[in-house]
Amino acid sequence: MKRSGATRDALRSAAAEYLLDNGLADLSLRPIAAAIGTSARMLVYHFGSKERLIAQAMAEIRERQRAIAEDWFRRHEDASPGDFLRFVWSWITAPGREPYLRLFFEAVGRGDREPFAAFSRGAFDEWVEWAHRRIARAGRPAADSRAMAVLTVSAIRGVALYYLATGDRGGARAALRKFAQLSSSGGGAR
C-alpha cells in the first residue's frame, strides 16, 4: 500500500507501528520505508535522519500510552495506589500489549544512547509521577511517597519483565499482589 502523499504525522505513526512489529534490532531506513510504503529519501526529508525518525516513532508510542493512562486517571481521580497497580497490570496484560512491552525493554536495554535514553527516562518519569500522586493522596509523607512511587513503578516493570520472559501470568499476578500487600502494610499501595 503506497502512501505517496503521506504527511509527516502519518509516516511517524506508521514508523511507530513498524517498531512495535519489528523491534529495534538492525534498523535501517530502507526496510522501514518499504514496510510503510515510502522511500528512505522521503523519510530523511521528513525527519532528517534515521535517529530522528526513531525518536519520533518512539515519542508516538509514548504518546499513545500517555493518552490511555491520562484518560484512566481523569476517570478515576480518587483511585488508590492499589487501583493504580491493578490498572497498570490490566494494561500490561491486555491482548495486543506484548509489542509495547518488548519495545520498552529493548529501548531501556540500549541504555543512555539516544534516541532511546529520552524514551526510557520519559517513560519512567511519567509513571513515577502518576504513582507518586496516588501514593501521596493515600497519606504518605512527600519524600516517602516519591521513593515508594519509584519502587512501585520498578516492581511493576520487573514483574512485567518476568511475565514477558516466562509467560507465567499467574506467577506474575501473584507477585504483584504480594508487592501490593507488602507495600500496604507500610501505608503504601492498597
Protein backbone atom coordinates (compact mmCIF):
# COMPACT_ATOMS: atom_id res chain seq x y z
CA MET A 1 0.00 0.00 0.00
CA LYS A 2 1.65 3.24 -1.18
CA ARG A 3 1.42 6.36 0.95
CA SER A 4 2.99 8.66 -1.62
CA GLY A 5 1.29 11.80 -0.26
CA ALA A 6 1.56 10.81 3.39
CA THR A 7 2.10 13.54 5.91
CA ARG A 8 4.90 13.55 8.45
CA ASP A 9 2.42 12.50 11.16
CA ALA A 10 1.19 9.55 9.12
CA LEU A 11 4.78 8.46 8.46
CA ARG A 12 5.58 8.86 12.16
CA SER A 13 2.58 6.71 13.10
CA ALA A 14 3.46 4.06 10.51
CA ALA A 15 7.07 4.01 11.73
CA ALA A 16 5.78 3.52 15.29
CA GLU A 17 3.78 0.50 14.11
CA TYR A 18 6.88 -0.81 12.35
CA LEU A 19 8.90 -0.56 15.59
CA LEU A 20 6.16 -2.31 17.54
CA ASP A 21 6.06 -5.10 14.97
CA ASN A 22 9.81 -5.46 14.39
CA GLY A 23 11.66 -4.06 17.37
CA LEU A 24 14.86 -2.05 17.33
CA ALA A 25 17.42 -4.58 16.16
CA ASP A 26 19.11 -3.93 12.81
CA LEU A 27 17.06 -0.86 11.99
CA SER A 28 17.77 0.80 8.70
CA LEU A 29 15.76 3.25 6.65
CA ARG A 30 15.19 1.12 3.54
CA PRO A 31 13.28 -1.71 5.26
CA ILE A 32 11.26 0.77 7.31
CA ALA A 33 10.46 2.80 4.21
CA ALA A 34 9.49 -0.29 2.20
CA ALA A 35 7.25 -1.57 5.01
CA ILE A 36 5.39 1.70 5.37
CA GLY A 37 5.11 2.42 1.66
CA THR A 38 7.53 5.27 1.13
CA SER A 39 11.20 5.77 0.29
CA ALA A 40 14.23 6.22 2.53
CA ARG A 41 14.73 9.58 0.84
CA MET A 42 11.25 10.75 1.93
CA LEU A 43 11.91 9.62 5.49
CA VAL A 44 15.13 11.65 5.55
CA TYR A 45 13.26 14.59 4.01
CA HIS A 46 10.60 14.48 6.75
CA PHE A 47 12.76 13.53 9.75
CA GLY A 48 16.34 14.47 8.86
CA SER A 49 17.91 11.16 9.88
CA LYS A 50 17.17 7.61 10.92
CA GLU A 51 17.81 8.55 14.56
CA ARG A 52 15.26 11.38 14.44
CA LEU A 53 12.71 9.09 12.79
CA ILE A 54 13.21 6.52 15.54
CA ALA A 55 12.99 9.20 18.22
CA GLN A 56 9.74 10.50 16.72
CA ALA A 57 8.27 6.99 16.37
CA MET A 58 9.20 6.22 19.99
CA ALA A 59 7.60 9.52 21.05
CA GLU A 60 4.43 8.49 19.19
CA ILE A 61 4.34 5.22 21.13
CA ARG A 62 4.78 7.05 24.45
CA GLU A 63 2.03 9.49 23.49
CA ARG A 64 -0.35 6.58 22.83
CA GLN A 65 0.41 5.11 26.24
CA ARG A 66 0.17 8.52 27.93
CA ALA A 67 -3.28 9.13 26.40
CA ILE A 68 -4.58 5.81 27.74
CA ALA A 69 -3.16 6.45 31.21
CA GLU A 70 -4.32 10.07 31.42
CA ASP A 71 -7.82 9.08 30.34
CA TRP A 72 -7.93 6.49 33.12
CA PHE A 73 -6.62 8.98 35.68
CA ARG A 74 -9.24 11.57 34.66
CA ARG A 75 -11.97 8.99 35.13
CA HIS A 76 -10.51 7.69 38.42
CA GLU A 77 -9.29 10.78 40.22
CA ASP A 78 -9.68 9.21 43.65
CA ALA A 79 -8.07 5.90 42.70
CA SER A 80 -5.92 4.33 45.38
CA PRO A 81 -2.37 3.10 44.81
CA GLY A 82 -3.82 -0.42 44.66
CA ASP A 83 -6.24 0.69 41.95
CA PHE A 84 -3.25 2.14 40.11
CA LEU A 85 -1.42 -1.21 40.31
CA ARG A 86 -4.46 -3.07 39.01
CA PHE A 87 -4.92 -0.59 36.14
CA VAL A 88 -1.28 -0.85 35.08
CA TRP A 89 -1.31 -4.63 35.27
CA SER A 90 -4.55 -4.88 33.27
CA TRP A 91 -2.97 -2.63 30.62
CA ILE A 92 0.25 -4.67 30.52
CA THR A 93 -1.56 -8.00 30.12
CA ALA A 94 -4.29 -6.84 27.73
CA PRO A 95 -4.30 -8.53 24.33
CA GLY A 96 -2.01 -6.77 21.89
CA ARG A 97 0.23 -5.15 24.51
CA GLU A 98 3.20 -7.51 24.22
CA PRO A 99 4.81 -5.48 21.40
CA TYR A 100 4.76 -2.42 23.67
CA LEU A 101 6.45 -4.36 26.46
CA ARG A 102 9.09 -5.84 24.19
CA LEU A 103 9.89 -2.47 22.65
CA PHE A 104 10.04 -0.78 26.06
CA PHE A 105 12.52 -3.31 27.42
CA GLU A 106 14.53 -3.24 24.21
CA ALA A 107 14.79 0.58 24.40
CA VAL A 108 15.68 0.52 28.11
CA GLY A 109 18.31 -2.12 27.35
CA ARG A 110 20.01 0.30 24.97
CA GLY A 111 20.99 2.38 27.99
CA ASP A 112 21.85 6.01 27.71
CA ARG A 113 22.26 6.08 23.92
CA GLU A 114 19.93 8.43 22.09
CA PRO A 115 17.24 8.29 20.91
CA PHE A 116 16.44 5.54 23.40
CA ALA A 117 17.60 7.34 26.56
CA ALA A 118 14.96 10.06 26.25
CA PHE A 119 12.24 7.46 25.71
CA SER A 120 13.36 5.43 28.73
CA ARG A 121 13.69 8.42 31.05
CA GLY A 122 10.35 9.83 29.99
CA ALA A 123 8.56 6.52 30.36
CA PHE A 124 9.85 6.14 33.92
CA ASP A 125 9.36 9.77 34.91
CA GLU A 126 5.71 9.84 33.82
CA TRP A 127 4.77 6.64 35.58
CA VAL A 128 6.66 7.59 38.73
CA GLU A 129 4.81 10.92 38.81
CA TRP A 130 1.43 9.20 38.39
CA ALA A 131 2.24 6.68 41.12
CA HIS A 132 3.61 9.44 43.37
CA ARG A 133 0.34 11.36 43.19
CA ARG A 134 -1.68 8.27 44.12
CA ILE A 135 0.63 7.30 46.98
CA ALA A 136 0.82 10.85 48.36
CA ARG A 137 -3.00 11.05 48.33
CA ALA A 138 -3.05 7.84 50.36
CA GLY A 139 -1.27 9.69 53.16
CA ARG A 140 2.44 9.02 52.84
CA PRO A 141 4.84 11.90 53.54
CA ALA A 142 6.17 13.54 50.34
CA ALA A 143 9.73 12.14 50.46
CA ASP A 144 8.48 8.67 51.35
CA SER A 145 5.77 8.73 48.68
CA ARG A 146 8.32 9.61 46.00
CA ALA A 147 10.56 6.69 47.00
CA MET A 148 7.54 4.39 47.14
CA ALA A 149 6.49 5.57 43.66
CA VAL A 150 9.92 4.69 42.25
CA LEU A 151 9.71 1.29 43.96
CA THR A 152 6.16 0.72 42.71
CA VAL A 153 6.99 1.50 39.08
CA SER A 154 10.18 -0.56 39.30
CA ALA A 155 8.27 -3.50 40.80
CA ILE A 156 5.63 -3.33 38.06
CA ARG A 157 8.31 -3.20 35.38
CA GLY A 158 10.18 -6.10 36.99
CA VAL A 159 7.04 -8.22 37.18
CA ALA A 160 6.25 -7.27 33.57
CA LEU A 161 9.72 -8.42 32.52
CA TYR A 162 9.20 -11.70 34.39
CA TYR A 163 5.83 -12.15 32.66
CA LEU A 164 7.28 -11.37 29.23
CA ALA A 165 10.25 -13.71 29.71
CA THR A 166 8.31 -16.64 31.17
CA GLY A 167 4.70 -16.26 30.06
CA ASP A 168 3.76 -17.08 33.66
CA ARG A 169 0.75 -14.80 34.03
CA GLY A 170 -0.40 -16.41 37.29
CA GLY A 171 3.03 -16.12 38.90
CA ALA A 172 3.37 -12.52 37.78
CA ARG A 173 -0.09 -11.66 39.10
CA ALA A 174 0.71 -13.33 42.42
CA ALA A 175 3.98 -11.39 42.69
CA LEU A 176 2.21 -8.11 42.05
CA ARG A 177 -0.46 -8.95 44.65
CA LYS A 178 2.31 -9.76 47.15
CA PHE A 179 4.03 -6.45 46.39
CA ALA A 180 0.74 -4.59 46.96
CA GLN A 181 0.24 -6.46 50.23
CA LEU A 182 3.78 -5.71 51.47
CA SER A 183 3.64 -2.07 50.46
CA SER A 184 0.20 -1.57 52.03
CA SER A 185 1.45 -2.93 55.34
CA GLY A 186 3.64 0.17 55.46
CA GLY A 187 0.85 2.52 54.38
CA GLY A 188 1.58 2.47 50.63
CA ALA A 189 -0.28 0.77 47.80
CA ARG A 190 -3.60 -0.69 48.89
